[in-house]
N, C-alpha and C. Protein backbone atom coordinates (compact mmCIF):
# COMPACT_ATOMS: atom_id res chain seq x y z
N MET A 1 11.20 17.79 -3.70
CA MET A 1 10.40 16.66 -3.21
C MET A 1 9.44 17.17 -2.14
N ASN A 2 8.22 16.66 -2.14
CA ASN A 2 7.20 17.10 -1.18
C ASN A 2 7.48 16.50 0.20
N TYR A 3 8.35 17.14 0.96
CA TYR A 3 8.78 16.61 2.25
C TYR A 3 7.67 16.70 3.29
N ALA A 4 7.40 15.57 3.96
CA ALA A 4 6.45 15.50 5.07
C ALA A 4 5.08 16.05 4.69
N PHE A 5 4.72 15.92 3.44
CA PHE A 5 3.48 16.50 2.93
C PHE A 5 2.41 15.45 2.74
N THR A 6 1.21 15.75 3.23
CA THR A 6 0.04 14.93 2.96
C THR A 6 -1.03 15.83 2.37
N SER A 7 -1.42 15.56 1.16
CA SER A 7 -2.39 16.42 0.48
C SER A 7 -3.82 16.02 0.86
N GLU A 8 -4.77 16.81 0.42
CA GLU A 8 -6.17 16.45 0.57
C GLU A 8 -6.51 15.36 -0.45
N TRP A 9 -7.54 14.58 -0.14
CA TRP A 9 -8.03 13.61 -1.12
C TRP A 9 -8.60 14.36 -2.31
N THR A 10 -8.24 13.92 -3.51
CA THR A 10 -8.69 14.61 -4.71
C THR A 10 -8.67 13.67 -5.90
N SER A 11 -8.96 14.18 -7.07
CA SER A 11 -8.94 13.36 -8.29
C SER A 11 -7.52 13.21 -8.80
N ALA A 12 -7.32 12.23 -9.67
CA ALA A 12 -5.99 12.01 -10.25
C ALA A 12 -5.54 13.24 -11.03
N GLY A 13 -6.45 13.86 -11.75
CA GLY A 13 -6.11 15.03 -12.54
C GLY A 13 -5.60 16.18 -11.71
N GLU A 14 -6.23 16.40 -10.57
CA GLU A 14 -5.80 17.48 -9.68
C GLU A 14 -4.50 17.12 -8.97
N LEU A 15 -4.37 15.88 -8.55
CA LEU A 15 -3.16 15.48 -7.82
C LEU A 15 -1.93 15.52 -8.71
N ALA A 16 -2.09 15.20 -9.98
CA ALA A 16 -0.96 15.18 -10.91
C ALA A 16 -0.24 16.53 -10.95
N LYS A 17 -0.95 17.61 -10.68
CA LYS A 17 -0.36 18.95 -10.70
C LYS A 17 0.63 19.15 -9.56
N LYS A 18 0.51 18.33 -8.51
CA LYS A 18 1.34 18.50 -7.32
C LYS A 18 2.43 17.44 -7.18
N LEU A 19 2.34 16.38 -7.96
CA LEU A 19 3.24 15.24 -7.78
C LEU A 19 4.69 15.58 -8.13
N GLU A 20 5.60 15.06 -7.30
CA GLU A 20 7.02 15.17 -7.55
C GLU A 20 7.64 13.79 -7.43
N THR A 21 8.69 13.55 -8.18
CA THR A 21 9.36 12.25 -8.16
C THR A 21 9.70 11.84 -6.73
N GLY A 22 9.35 10.61 -6.39
CA GLY A 22 9.61 10.09 -5.05
C GLY A 22 8.43 10.17 -4.11
N ASP A 23 7.37 10.88 -4.50
CA ASP A 23 6.18 10.96 -3.66
C ASP A 23 5.51 9.60 -3.55
N LEU A 24 4.93 9.33 -2.38
CA LEU A 24 4.09 8.15 -2.22
C LEU A 24 2.65 8.55 -2.48
N VAL A 25 1.99 7.80 -3.34
CA VAL A 25 0.60 8.08 -3.70
C VAL A 25 -0.30 7.04 -3.04
N GLU A 26 -1.28 7.51 -2.30
CA GLU A 26 -2.26 6.64 -1.64
C GLU A 26 -3.59 6.79 -2.38
N ILE A 27 -4.17 5.67 -2.76
CA ILE A 27 -5.41 5.67 -3.55
C ILE A 27 -6.51 4.97 -2.76
N ARG A 28 -7.62 5.63 -2.60
CA ARG A 28 -8.73 5.08 -1.81
C ARG A 28 -9.63 4.25 -2.73
N ARG A 29 -9.49 2.94 -2.63
CA ARG A 29 -10.31 2.04 -3.44
C ARG A 29 -11.71 1.93 -2.84
N THR A 30 -12.71 1.98 -3.70
CA THR A 30 -14.09 1.89 -3.25
C THR A 30 -14.84 0.83 -4.02
N SER A 31 -15.95 0.39 -3.45
CA SER A 31 -16.81 -0.59 -4.11
C SER A 31 -17.63 0.10 -5.19
N SER A 32 -18.40 -0.69 -5.92
CA SER A 32 -19.23 -0.15 -7.00
C SER A 32 -20.29 0.81 -6.50
N ILE A 33 -20.59 0.74 -5.19
CA ILE A 33 -21.58 1.66 -4.62
C ILE A 33 -20.92 2.76 -3.79
N GLY A 34 -19.60 2.86 -3.92
CA GLY A 34 -18.89 3.97 -3.29
C GLY A 34 -18.38 3.75 -1.88
N LEU A 35 -18.52 2.53 -1.37
CA LEU A 35 -18.02 2.25 -0.02
C LEU A 35 -16.52 2.00 -0.06
N PRO A 36 -15.75 2.59 0.88
CA PRO A 36 -14.30 2.37 0.90
C PRO A 36 -13.96 0.92 1.22
N ILE A 37 -13.00 0.35 0.49
CA ILE A 37 -12.59 -1.03 0.70
C ILE A 37 -11.21 -1.09 1.33
N TYR A 38 -10.26 -0.45 0.71
CA TYR A 38 -8.88 -0.45 1.20
C TYR A 38 -8.13 0.65 0.47
N ASN A 39 -6.91 0.91 0.86
CA ASN A 39 -6.09 1.92 0.19
C ASN A 39 -4.93 1.26 -0.54
N HIS A 40 -4.74 1.68 -1.78
CA HIS A 40 -3.64 1.18 -2.61
C HIS A 40 -2.51 2.21 -2.59
N TRP A 41 -1.26 1.72 -2.69
CA TRP A 41 -0.10 2.61 -2.63
C TRP A 41 0.78 2.44 -3.86
N ALA A 42 1.38 3.56 -4.29
CA ALA A 42 2.29 3.54 -5.43
C ALA A 42 3.38 4.60 -5.23
N VAL A 43 4.45 4.46 -5.98
CA VAL A 43 5.56 5.42 -5.93
C VAL A 43 5.56 6.22 -7.24
N TYR A 44 5.49 7.53 -7.13
CA TYR A 44 5.52 8.37 -8.33
C TYR A 44 6.96 8.52 -8.81
N VAL A 45 7.19 8.20 -10.09
CA VAL A 45 8.56 8.23 -10.62
C VAL A 45 8.73 9.25 -11.74
N GLY A 46 7.77 10.14 -11.91
CA GLY A 46 7.98 11.26 -12.81
C GLY A 46 7.10 11.27 -14.05
N PHE A 47 7.29 12.34 -14.83
CA PHE A 47 6.53 12.59 -16.05
C PHE A 47 7.46 12.44 -17.25
N ALA A 48 7.13 11.52 -18.15
CA ALA A 48 7.98 11.29 -19.32
C ALA A 48 7.11 10.88 -20.50
N ASN A 49 7.43 11.42 -21.67
CA ASN A 49 6.68 11.11 -22.89
C ASN A 49 5.18 11.35 -22.74
N GLY A 50 4.85 12.40 -22.01
CA GLY A 50 3.46 12.76 -21.83
C GLY A 50 2.70 11.91 -20.84
N ILE A 51 3.40 11.11 -20.03
CA ILE A 51 2.74 10.19 -19.10
C ILE A 51 3.27 10.39 -17.68
N HIS A 52 2.35 10.52 -16.72
CA HIS A 52 2.71 10.49 -15.31
C HIS A 52 2.84 9.02 -14.91
N LYS A 53 4.01 8.62 -14.40
CA LYS A 53 4.26 7.21 -14.16
C LYS A 53 4.41 6.90 -12.68
N VAL A 54 3.86 5.73 -12.29
CA VAL A 54 4.02 5.23 -10.93
C VAL A 54 4.50 3.78 -10.98
N VAL A 55 5.21 3.39 -9.93
CA VAL A 55 5.62 1.99 -9.78
C VAL A 55 4.87 1.45 -8.57
N HIS A 56 4.30 0.26 -8.72
CA HIS A 56 3.51 -0.30 -7.62
C HIS A 56 3.45 -1.82 -7.73
N LEU A 57 3.06 -2.45 -6.62
CA LEU A 57 2.83 -3.89 -6.60
C LEU A 57 1.38 -4.12 -6.99
N THR A 58 1.15 -4.87 -8.05
CA THR A 58 -0.20 -5.03 -8.58
C THR A 58 -0.44 -6.45 -9.07
N ASN A 59 -1.71 -6.88 -8.98
CA ASN A 59 -2.08 -8.16 -9.58
C ASN A 59 -2.79 -7.96 -10.91
N GLY A 60 -2.96 -6.70 -11.31
CA GLY A 60 -3.54 -6.40 -12.61
C GLY A 60 -5.03 -6.61 -12.71
N ASN A 61 -5.69 -6.94 -11.59
CA ASN A 61 -7.14 -7.16 -11.62
C ASN A 61 -7.87 -5.85 -11.37
N TYR A 62 -9.17 -5.86 -11.62
CA TYR A 62 -9.97 -4.68 -11.34
C TYR A 62 -10.06 -4.48 -9.85
N ASN A 63 -10.18 -3.20 -9.44
CA ASN A 63 -10.19 -2.91 -8.02
C ASN A 63 -11.44 -3.42 -7.33
N ASN A 64 -12.50 -3.72 -8.07
CA ASN A 64 -13.73 -4.24 -7.47
C ASN A 64 -13.90 -5.72 -7.79
N GLY A 65 -12.80 -6.45 -7.76
CA GLY A 65 -12.84 -7.88 -8.05
C GLY A 65 -13.66 -8.63 -7.03
N PRO A 66 -13.97 -9.92 -7.30
CA PRO A 66 -14.87 -10.68 -6.44
C PRO A 66 -14.30 -10.98 -5.07
N ASN A 67 -12.96 -11.10 -4.94
CA ASN A 67 -12.39 -11.47 -3.66
C ASN A 67 -11.97 -10.22 -2.90
N LEU A 68 -12.94 -9.54 -2.32
CA LEU A 68 -12.64 -8.29 -1.63
C LEU A 68 -11.84 -8.54 -0.36
N PHE A 69 -11.99 -9.72 0.25
CA PHE A 69 -11.24 -10.02 1.47
C PHE A 69 -9.75 -10.05 1.18
N VAL A 70 -9.38 -10.68 0.07
CA VAL A 70 -7.97 -10.71 -0.31
C VAL A 70 -7.50 -9.31 -0.69
N ASN A 71 -8.32 -8.59 -1.46
CA ASN A 71 -7.94 -7.24 -1.86
C ASN A 71 -7.72 -6.33 -0.67
N LEU A 72 -8.51 -6.52 0.38
CA LEU A 72 -8.40 -5.68 1.55
C LEU A 72 -7.00 -5.70 2.13
N PHE A 73 -6.40 -6.90 2.17
CA PHE A 73 -5.11 -7.02 2.80
C PHE A 73 -3.96 -7.02 1.82
N SER A 74 -4.19 -7.39 0.58
CA SER A 74 -3.08 -7.41 -0.37
C SER A 74 -2.84 -6.03 -0.96
N SER A 75 -3.93 -5.27 -1.13
CA SER A 75 -3.84 -3.93 -1.72
C SER A 75 -3.06 -3.94 -3.01
N THR A 76 -3.31 -4.92 -3.87
CA THR A 76 -2.52 -5.02 -5.09
C THR A 76 -3.33 -4.73 -6.34
N SER A 77 -4.56 -4.28 -6.21
CA SER A 77 -5.40 -4.15 -7.39
C SER A 77 -5.12 -2.88 -8.17
N SER A 78 -5.35 -2.97 -9.46
CA SER A 78 -5.20 -1.83 -10.36
C SER A 78 -6.48 -1.70 -11.16
N THR A 79 -6.81 -0.47 -11.58
CA THR A 79 -7.97 -0.29 -12.44
C THR A 79 -7.59 -0.43 -13.90
N SER A 80 -6.32 -0.62 -14.18
CA SER A 80 -5.87 -0.73 -15.57
C SER A 80 -6.40 -2.00 -16.21
N THR A 81 -6.85 -1.90 -17.47
CA THR A 81 -7.35 -3.07 -18.18
C THR A 81 -6.27 -3.68 -19.06
N ASN A 82 -5.06 -3.09 -19.05
CA ASN A 82 -4.00 -3.56 -19.93
C ASN A 82 -3.15 -4.66 -19.31
N ASN A 83 -3.24 -4.81 -18.00
CA ASN A 83 -2.40 -5.77 -17.30
C ASN A 83 -3.26 -6.89 -16.77
N HIS A 84 -3.09 -8.08 -17.29
CA HIS A 84 -3.96 -9.19 -16.91
C HIS A 84 -3.21 -10.26 -16.12
N GLU A 85 -2.04 -9.92 -15.59
CA GLU A 85 -1.28 -10.89 -14.84
C GLU A 85 -2.01 -11.24 -13.55
N LYS A 86 -2.03 -12.51 -13.23
CA LYS A 86 -2.67 -12.95 -12.00
C LYS A 86 -1.68 -12.99 -10.85
N ASN A 87 -0.40 -13.18 -11.17
CA ASN A 87 0.62 -13.24 -10.15
C ASN A 87 1.09 -11.82 -9.84
N PRO A 88 0.89 -11.34 -8.61
CA PRO A 88 1.27 -9.97 -8.29
C PRO A 88 2.73 -9.69 -8.61
N SER A 89 2.98 -8.53 -9.19
CA SER A 89 4.34 -8.16 -9.56
C SER A 89 4.50 -6.66 -9.46
N ILE A 90 5.75 -6.22 -9.47
CA ILE A 90 6.05 -4.80 -9.48
C ILE A 90 5.95 -4.30 -10.91
N SER A 91 5.11 -3.29 -11.14
CA SER A 91 4.89 -2.78 -12.50
C SER A 91 5.02 -1.27 -12.53
N ILE A 92 5.40 -0.74 -13.68
CA ILE A 92 5.39 0.69 -13.91
C ILE A 92 4.24 0.99 -14.86
N GLU A 93 3.35 1.90 -14.46
CA GLU A 93 2.14 2.15 -15.23
C GLU A 93 1.78 3.63 -15.22
N ASN A 94 0.86 3.97 -16.09
CA ASN A 94 0.31 5.31 -16.15
C ASN A 94 -0.47 5.59 -14.85
N PHE A 95 -0.13 6.67 -14.19
CA PHE A 95 -0.79 7.03 -12.93
C PHE A 95 -2.30 7.11 -13.08
N PHE A 96 -2.77 7.64 -14.19
CA PHE A 96 -4.22 7.79 -14.40
C PHE A 96 -4.91 6.43 -14.56
N ASP A 97 -4.21 5.45 -15.14
CA ASP A 97 -4.78 4.11 -15.26
C ASP A 97 -4.87 3.44 -13.90
N VAL A 98 -3.85 3.63 -13.09
CA VAL A 98 -3.82 3.00 -11.77
C VAL A 98 -4.87 3.61 -10.85
N CYS A 99 -5.00 4.92 -10.90
CA CYS A 99 -5.94 5.61 -10.01
C CYS A 99 -7.38 5.48 -10.49
N GLY A 100 -7.58 5.53 -11.80
CA GLY A 100 -8.95 5.48 -12.32
C GLY A 100 -9.76 6.66 -11.81
N ASN A 101 -10.97 6.39 -11.37
CA ASN A 101 -11.85 7.44 -10.84
C ASN A 101 -11.81 7.55 -9.33
N ASP A 102 -10.92 6.78 -8.70
CA ASP A 102 -10.83 6.80 -7.24
C ASP A 102 -10.14 8.06 -6.74
N GLN A 103 -10.45 8.45 -5.53
CA GLN A 103 -9.79 9.57 -4.88
C GLN A 103 -8.36 9.17 -4.50
N CYS A 104 -7.47 10.14 -4.52
CA CYS A 104 -6.08 9.84 -4.20
C CYS A 104 -5.43 11.03 -3.51
N ARG A 105 -4.27 10.78 -2.93
CA ARG A 105 -3.54 11.87 -2.28
C ARG A 105 -2.06 11.53 -2.20
N ILE A 106 -1.24 12.56 -2.02
CA ILE A 106 0.17 12.36 -1.68
C ILE A 106 0.21 12.08 -0.19
N ASN A 107 0.94 11.04 0.22
CA ASN A 107 1.06 10.74 1.64
C ASN A 107 2.52 10.47 1.99
N ASN A 108 3.23 11.53 2.30
CA ASN A 108 4.62 11.43 2.74
C ASN A 108 4.72 11.69 4.24
N SER A 109 3.67 11.35 4.98
CA SER A 109 3.59 11.69 6.40
C SER A 109 4.69 11.02 7.24
N MET A 110 5.20 9.89 6.79
CA MET A 110 6.23 9.21 7.57
C MET A 110 7.57 9.93 7.53
N ASP A 111 7.69 10.96 6.70
CA ASP A 111 8.92 11.77 6.68
C ASP A 111 9.20 12.37 8.05
N LYS A 112 8.14 12.58 8.84
CA LYS A 112 8.30 13.18 10.16
C LYS A 112 8.99 12.23 11.13
N LYS A 113 8.94 10.93 10.82
CA LYS A 113 9.53 9.93 11.70
C LYS A 113 10.78 9.30 11.11
N TYR A 114 10.79 9.12 9.79
CA TYR A 114 11.92 8.49 9.11
C TYR A 114 12.43 9.39 8.00
N LYS A 115 13.72 9.53 7.91
CA LYS A 115 14.30 10.38 6.87
C LYS A 115 14.14 9.72 5.51
N PRO A 116 13.49 10.40 4.57
CA PRO A 116 13.33 9.80 3.24
C PRO A 116 14.65 9.80 2.48
N LEU A 117 14.78 8.86 1.56
CA LEU A 117 15.94 8.83 0.69
C LEU A 117 15.85 9.97 -0.32
N SER A 118 16.91 10.18 -1.06
CA SER A 118 16.89 11.23 -2.09
C SER A 118 15.94 10.83 -3.21
N GLN A 119 15.52 11.80 -4.00
CA GLN A 119 14.64 11.52 -5.12
C GLN A 119 15.25 10.49 -6.06
N SER A 120 16.52 10.63 -6.35
CA SER A 120 17.16 9.70 -7.28
C SER A 120 17.23 8.29 -6.71
N ASP A 121 17.46 8.19 -5.40
CA ASP A 121 17.51 6.87 -4.77
C ASP A 121 16.14 6.20 -4.76
N ILE A 122 15.10 6.98 -4.45
CA ILE A 122 13.74 6.43 -4.45
C ILE A 122 13.38 5.95 -5.86
N TYR A 123 13.70 6.76 -6.83
CA TYR A 123 13.44 6.42 -8.23
C TYR A 123 14.16 5.13 -8.61
N ASP A 124 15.44 5.05 -8.28
CA ASP A 124 16.23 3.87 -8.64
C ASP A 124 15.73 2.62 -7.93
N ARG A 125 15.39 2.75 -6.65
CA ARG A 125 14.93 1.58 -5.89
C ARG A 125 13.62 1.05 -6.45
N ALA A 126 12.69 1.95 -6.73
CA ALA A 126 11.39 1.52 -7.26
C ALA A 126 11.56 0.83 -8.60
N LEU A 127 12.32 1.43 -9.50
CA LEU A 127 12.49 0.85 -10.84
C LEU A 127 13.30 -0.44 -10.81
N SER A 128 14.17 -0.59 -9.82
CA SER A 128 15.01 -1.79 -9.76
C SER A 128 14.21 -3.06 -9.54
N LYS A 129 12.97 -2.91 -9.05
CA LYS A 129 12.14 -4.08 -8.74
C LYS A 129 11.08 -4.36 -9.81
N VAL A 130 10.99 -3.51 -10.82
CA VAL A 130 9.98 -3.71 -11.86
C VAL A 130 10.16 -5.07 -12.52
N GLY A 131 9.07 -5.81 -12.61
CA GLY A 131 9.10 -7.14 -13.21
C GLY A 131 9.24 -8.26 -12.21
N GLU A 132 9.61 -7.93 -10.97
CA GLU A 132 9.76 -8.98 -9.96
C GLU A 132 8.40 -9.36 -9.39
N HIS A 133 8.28 -10.61 -9.01
CA HIS A 133 7.03 -11.14 -8.46
C HIS A 133 7.20 -11.42 -6.97
N GLY A 134 6.12 -11.26 -6.25
CA GLY A 134 6.17 -11.59 -4.83
C GLY A 134 5.01 -10.96 -4.10
N TYR A 135 4.38 -11.73 -3.23
CA TYR A 135 3.24 -11.21 -2.50
C TYR A 135 2.97 -12.07 -1.27
N SER A 136 2.69 -11.41 -0.16
CA SER A 136 2.26 -12.08 1.05
C SER A 136 1.24 -11.17 1.70
N VAL A 137 0.14 -11.72 2.16
CA VAL A 137 -0.96 -10.92 2.68
C VAL A 137 -0.48 -9.89 3.71
N PHE A 138 0.33 -10.34 4.68
CA PHE A 138 0.73 -9.44 5.75
C PHE A 138 2.17 -8.98 5.64
N ASN A 139 2.97 -9.58 4.77
CA ASN A 139 4.40 -9.29 4.76
C ASN A 139 4.89 -8.50 3.56
N ILE A 140 4.28 -8.68 2.40
CA ILE A 140 4.68 -7.90 1.23
C ILE A 140 3.42 -7.46 0.49
N ASN A 141 3.00 -6.23 0.69
CA ASN A 141 1.91 -5.69 -0.12
C ASN A 141 2.33 -4.35 -0.70
N CYS A 142 1.44 -3.67 -1.36
CA CYS A 142 1.81 -2.44 -2.07
C CYS A 142 2.32 -1.36 -1.12
N GLU A 143 1.78 -1.33 0.10
CA GLU A 143 2.24 -0.33 1.06
C GLU A 143 3.65 -0.64 1.54
N HIS A 144 3.93 -1.93 1.80
CA HIS A 144 5.30 -2.32 2.16
C HIS A 144 6.28 -1.84 1.09
N PHE A 145 5.95 -2.13 -0.18
CA PHE A 145 6.86 -1.79 -1.27
C PHE A 145 7.07 -0.29 -1.38
N ALA A 146 5.99 0.48 -1.31
CA ALA A 146 6.10 1.93 -1.46
C ALA A 146 6.98 2.53 -0.37
N LYS A 147 6.77 2.10 0.86
CA LYS A 147 7.54 2.67 1.97
C LYS A 147 8.98 2.18 1.96
N TRP A 148 9.19 0.96 1.48
CA TRP A 148 10.56 0.47 1.31
C TRP A 148 11.30 1.34 0.30
N SER A 149 10.62 1.72 -0.76
CA SER A 149 11.25 2.54 -1.80
C SER A 149 11.65 3.91 -1.27
N ARG A 150 10.84 4.50 -0.44
CA ARG A 150 11.10 5.87 0.03
C ARG A 150 11.97 5.93 1.28
N TYR A 151 11.81 4.93 2.18
CA TYR A 151 12.48 5.03 3.48
C TYR A 151 13.50 3.93 3.76
N ASN A 152 13.56 2.93 2.90
CA ASN A 152 14.42 1.77 3.14
C ASN A 152 13.97 0.99 4.37
N ILE A 153 12.67 1.06 4.66
CA ILE A 153 12.06 0.19 5.65
C ILE A 153 10.79 -0.37 5.00
N SER A 154 10.23 -1.40 5.62
CA SER A 154 9.02 -1.99 5.06
C SER A 154 7.97 -2.12 6.15
N THR A 155 6.90 -1.35 6.03
CA THR A 155 5.84 -1.38 7.04
C THR A 155 4.50 -1.12 6.37
N SER A 156 3.44 -1.67 6.95
CA SER A 156 2.10 -1.47 6.39
C SER A 156 1.09 -1.39 7.52
N ASP A 157 0.49 -0.21 7.70
CA ASP A 157 -0.55 -0.06 8.71
C ASP A 157 -1.74 -0.97 8.43
N GLN A 158 -2.12 -1.11 7.15
CA GLN A 158 -3.27 -1.95 6.81
C GLN A 158 -3.05 -3.39 7.22
N ALA A 159 -1.84 -3.90 6.97
CA ALA A 159 -1.54 -5.28 7.34
C ALA A 159 -1.53 -5.44 8.84
N ASN A 160 -1.00 -4.44 9.55
CA ASN A 160 -0.94 -4.52 11.00
C ASN A 160 -2.34 -4.49 11.61
N TYR A 161 -3.21 -3.63 11.08
CA TYR A 161 -4.59 -3.61 11.56
C TYR A 161 -5.28 -4.94 11.27
N GLY A 162 -4.95 -5.53 10.14
CA GLY A 162 -5.53 -6.82 9.79
C GLY A 162 -5.13 -7.89 10.78
N LYS A 163 -3.86 -7.90 11.18
CA LYS A 163 -3.40 -8.86 12.18
C LYS A 163 -4.17 -8.68 13.48
N ALA A 164 -4.32 -7.43 13.89
CA ALA A 164 -5.03 -7.16 15.13
C ALA A 164 -6.48 -7.63 15.05
N ALA A 165 -7.11 -7.40 13.90
CA ALA A 165 -8.51 -7.81 13.74
C ALA A 165 -8.66 -9.32 13.82
N PHE A 166 -7.71 -10.05 13.21
CA PHE A 166 -7.77 -11.51 13.26
C PHE A 166 -7.68 -12.01 14.70
N ILE A 167 -6.75 -11.44 15.47
CA ILE A 167 -6.61 -11.87 16.86
C ILE A 167 -7.87 -11.52 17.64
N GLY A 168 -8.40 -10.33 17.40
CA GLY A 168 -9.61 -9.93 18.09
C GLY A 168 -10.77 -10.86 17.79
N MET A 169 -10.91 -11.27 16.52
CA MET A 169 -11.98 -12.19 16.14
C MET A 169 -11.77 -13.55 16.79
N GLY A 170 -10.50 -13.95 16.91
CA GLY A 170 -10.20 -15.22 17.56
C GLY A 170 -10.62 -15.21 19.02
N VAL A 171 -10.38 -14.09 19.68
CA VAL A 171 -10.79 -13.95 21.08
C VAL A 171 -12.30 -14.03 21.19
N LEU A 172 -13.00 -13.40 20.27
CA LEU A 172 -14.46 -13.44 20.29
C LEU A 172 -15.00 -14.85 20.20
N LEU A 173 -14.33 -15.69 19.45
CA LEU A 173 -14.81 -17.05 19.23
C LEU A 173 -14.64 -17.95 20.45
N PHE A 174 -13.62 -17.70 21.27
CA PHE A 174 -13.26 -18.68 22.27
C PHE A 174 -13.51 -18.29 23.72
N LEU A 175 -13.79 -17.04 24.02
CA LEU A 175 -13.99 -16.66 25.41
C LEU A 175 -15.47 -16.62 25.76
N PRO A 176 -15.80 -16.82 27.06
CA PRO A 176 -17.20 -16.78 27.50
C PRO A 176 -17.84 -15.44 27.17
N GLY A 177 -19.16 -15.49 26.98
CA GLY A 177 -19.87 -14.31 26.53
C GLY A 177 -19.67 -13.07 27.36
N GLY A 178 -19.55 -13.22 28.67
CA GLY A 178 -19.42 -12.06 29.53
C GLY A 178 -18.16 -11.25 29.30
N PHE A 179 -17.16 -11.88 28.69
CA PHE A 179 -15.89 -11.19 28.50
C PHE A 179 -15.60 -10.88 27.04
N LEU A 180 -16.54 -11.16 26.17
CA LEU A 180 -16.26 -11.07 24.74
C LEU A 180 -15.82 -9.68 24.29
N VAL A 181 -16.64 -8.70 24.58
CA VAL A 181 -16.36 -7.36 24.07
C VAL A 181 -15.06 -6.81 24.64
N VAL A 182 -14.88 -6.95 25.96
CA VAL A 182 -13.68 -6.42 26.61
C VAL A 182 -12.44 -7.12 26.09
N ALA A 183 -12.51 -8.45 25.98
CA ALA A 183 -11.34 -9.21 25.53
C ALA A 183 -10.98 -8.88 24.10
N ALA A 184 -11.99 -8.80 23.24
CA ALA A 184 -11.71 -8.50 21.84
C ALA A 184 -11.11 -7.11 21.70
N ALA A 185 -11.70 -6.15 22.39
CA ALA A 185 -11.19 -4.78 22.31
C ALA A 185 -9.78 -4.69 22.85
N THR A 186 -9.52 -5.40 23.95
CA THR A 186 -8.18 -5.40 24.53
C THR A 186 -7.17 -6.01 23.58
N GLY A 187 -7.55 -7.13 22.97
CA GLY A 187 -6.65 -7.79 22.03
C GLY A 187 -6.32 -6.92 20.84
N ILE A 188 -7.33 -6.30 20.28
CA ILE A 188 -7.12 -5.44 19.12
C ILE A 188 -6.27 -4.23 19.49
N LYS A 189 -6.59 -3.60 20.63
CA LYS A 189 -5.82 -2.42 21.04
C LYS A 189 -4.37 -2.78 21.27
N TYR A 190 -4.14 -3.93 21.91
CA TYR A 190 -2.76 -4.35 22.18
C TYR A 190 -1.99 -4.57 20.89
N LEU A 191 -2.60 -5.29 19.96
CA LEU A 191 -1.88 -5.61 18.73
C LEU A 191 -1.65 -4.39 17.86
N VAL A 192 -2.63 -3.50 17.82
CA VAL A 192 -2.42 -2.28 17.04
C VAL A 192 -1.26 -1.48 17.61
N SER A 193 -1.23 -1.33 18.94
CA SER A 193 -0.14 -0.57 19.55
C SER A 193 1.19 -1.27 19.38
N LYS A 194 1.16 -2.60 19.34
CA LYS A 194 2.39 -3.37 19.22
C LYS A 194 2.94 -3.36 17.81
N PHE A 195 2.04 -3.50 16.82
CA PHE A 195 2.50 -3.67 15.45
C PHE A 195 2.43 -2.40 14.60
N SER A 196 1.41 -1.58 14.81
CA SER A 196 1.19 -0.48 13.87
C SER A 196 2.37 0.47 13.81
N ASP A 197 2.86 0.63 12.59
CA ASP A 197 3.96 1.55 12.31
C ASP A 197 5.23 1.19 13.05
N SER A 198 5.33 -0.05 13.56
CA SER A 198 6.55 -0.45 14.24
C SER A 198 7.09 -1.77 13.73
N VAL A 199 6.27 -2.53 13.00
CA VAL A 199 6.75 -3.78 12.43
C VAL A 199 7.50 -3.45 11.16
N LYS A 200 8.80 -3.38 11.26
CA LYS A 200 9.64 -2.99 10.13
C LYS A 200 10.61 -4.11 9.83
N LYS A 201 10.76 -4.40 8.56
CA LYS A 201 11.68 -5.45 8.16
C LYS A 201 13.09 -4.90 8.03
N ASP A 202 14.05 -5.78 8.11
CA ASP A 202 15.41 -5.42 7.76
C ASP A 202 15.39 -4.86 6.35
N PRO A 203 16.19 -3.82 6.07
CA PRO A 203 16.15 -3.18 4.75
C PRO A 203 16.24 -4.11 3.57
N GLU A 204 16.91 -5.25 3.71
CA GLU A 204 17.06 -6.15 2.57
C GLU A 204 16.03 -7.28 2.56
N THR A 205 15.22 -7.37 3.62
CA THR A 205 14.29 -8.49 3.72
C THR A 205 13.29 -8.50 2.59
N ILE A 206 12.71 -7.34 2.29
CA ILE A 206 11.70 -7.30 1.23
C ILE A 206 12.30 -7.71 -0.11
N SER A 207 13.55 -7.31 -0.35
CA SER A 207 14.21 -7.69 -1.60
C SER A 207 14.38 -9.20 -1.66
N ASN A 208 14.84 -9.79 -0.56
CA ASN A 208 15.07 -11.23 -0.54
C ASN A 208 13.77 -12.01 -0.68
N GLU A 209 12.70 -11.54 0.00
CA GLU A 209 11.42 -12.25 -0.06
C GLU A 209 10.82 -12.20 -1.45
N MET A 210 10.94 -11.06 -2.11
CA MET A 210 10.39 -10.96 -3.46
C MET A 210 11.20 -11.78 -4.45
N SER A 211 12.51 -11.82 -4.26
CA SER A 211 13.35 -12.57 -5.19
C SER A 211 13.14 -14.06 -5.07
N SER A 212 12.75 -14.52 -3.85
CA SER A 212 12.59 -15.95 -3.63
C SER A 212 11.19 -16.44 -3.88
N SER A 213 10.25 -15.51 -4.18
CA SER A 213 8.84 -15.89 -4.37
C SER A 213 8.64 -16.49 -5.75
């Protein structure tokens, strides 16, 4: 298993040469003109029958769908044209279909802070949720699921940054002009430090939330 390894951003074809079961795959979603939108996450579960397979939380829509605001925080989009489900669910798919032409990398950087589960445990946990439905903008997205599979915790930097941005925008709307920039920056800095990489659910919370959705 690629312990504590973060690769360079590269194509799906190049990354497939390095993938090992249990790796977390981060995919940089971009707009039609190449601007980065958000990062999608998946769990690599191995090579079988000529296919590199990943498990991920997906809504089956194109990555450049019309509602980019939702995509930014849900991170559930897939480039696959075979899955047309509108209700986000855990799916097992061809890695190349999920990644498409977007840049991707292995991102097991949290191994330095949290001990990853064994390859077999990560594999079993990811596959155990295939077919289940559940999604919440800040509480259950693809990053939550991927990290839950590998570490038995659920955390998402993207969701945490989103929370901070919302609070910062709220401050901008309500405080006098002289304090706008300082207040917004302070609010965002505080929330990022408070939530980022520290908002972790109880190990069973993500399972319960998905089962009840």
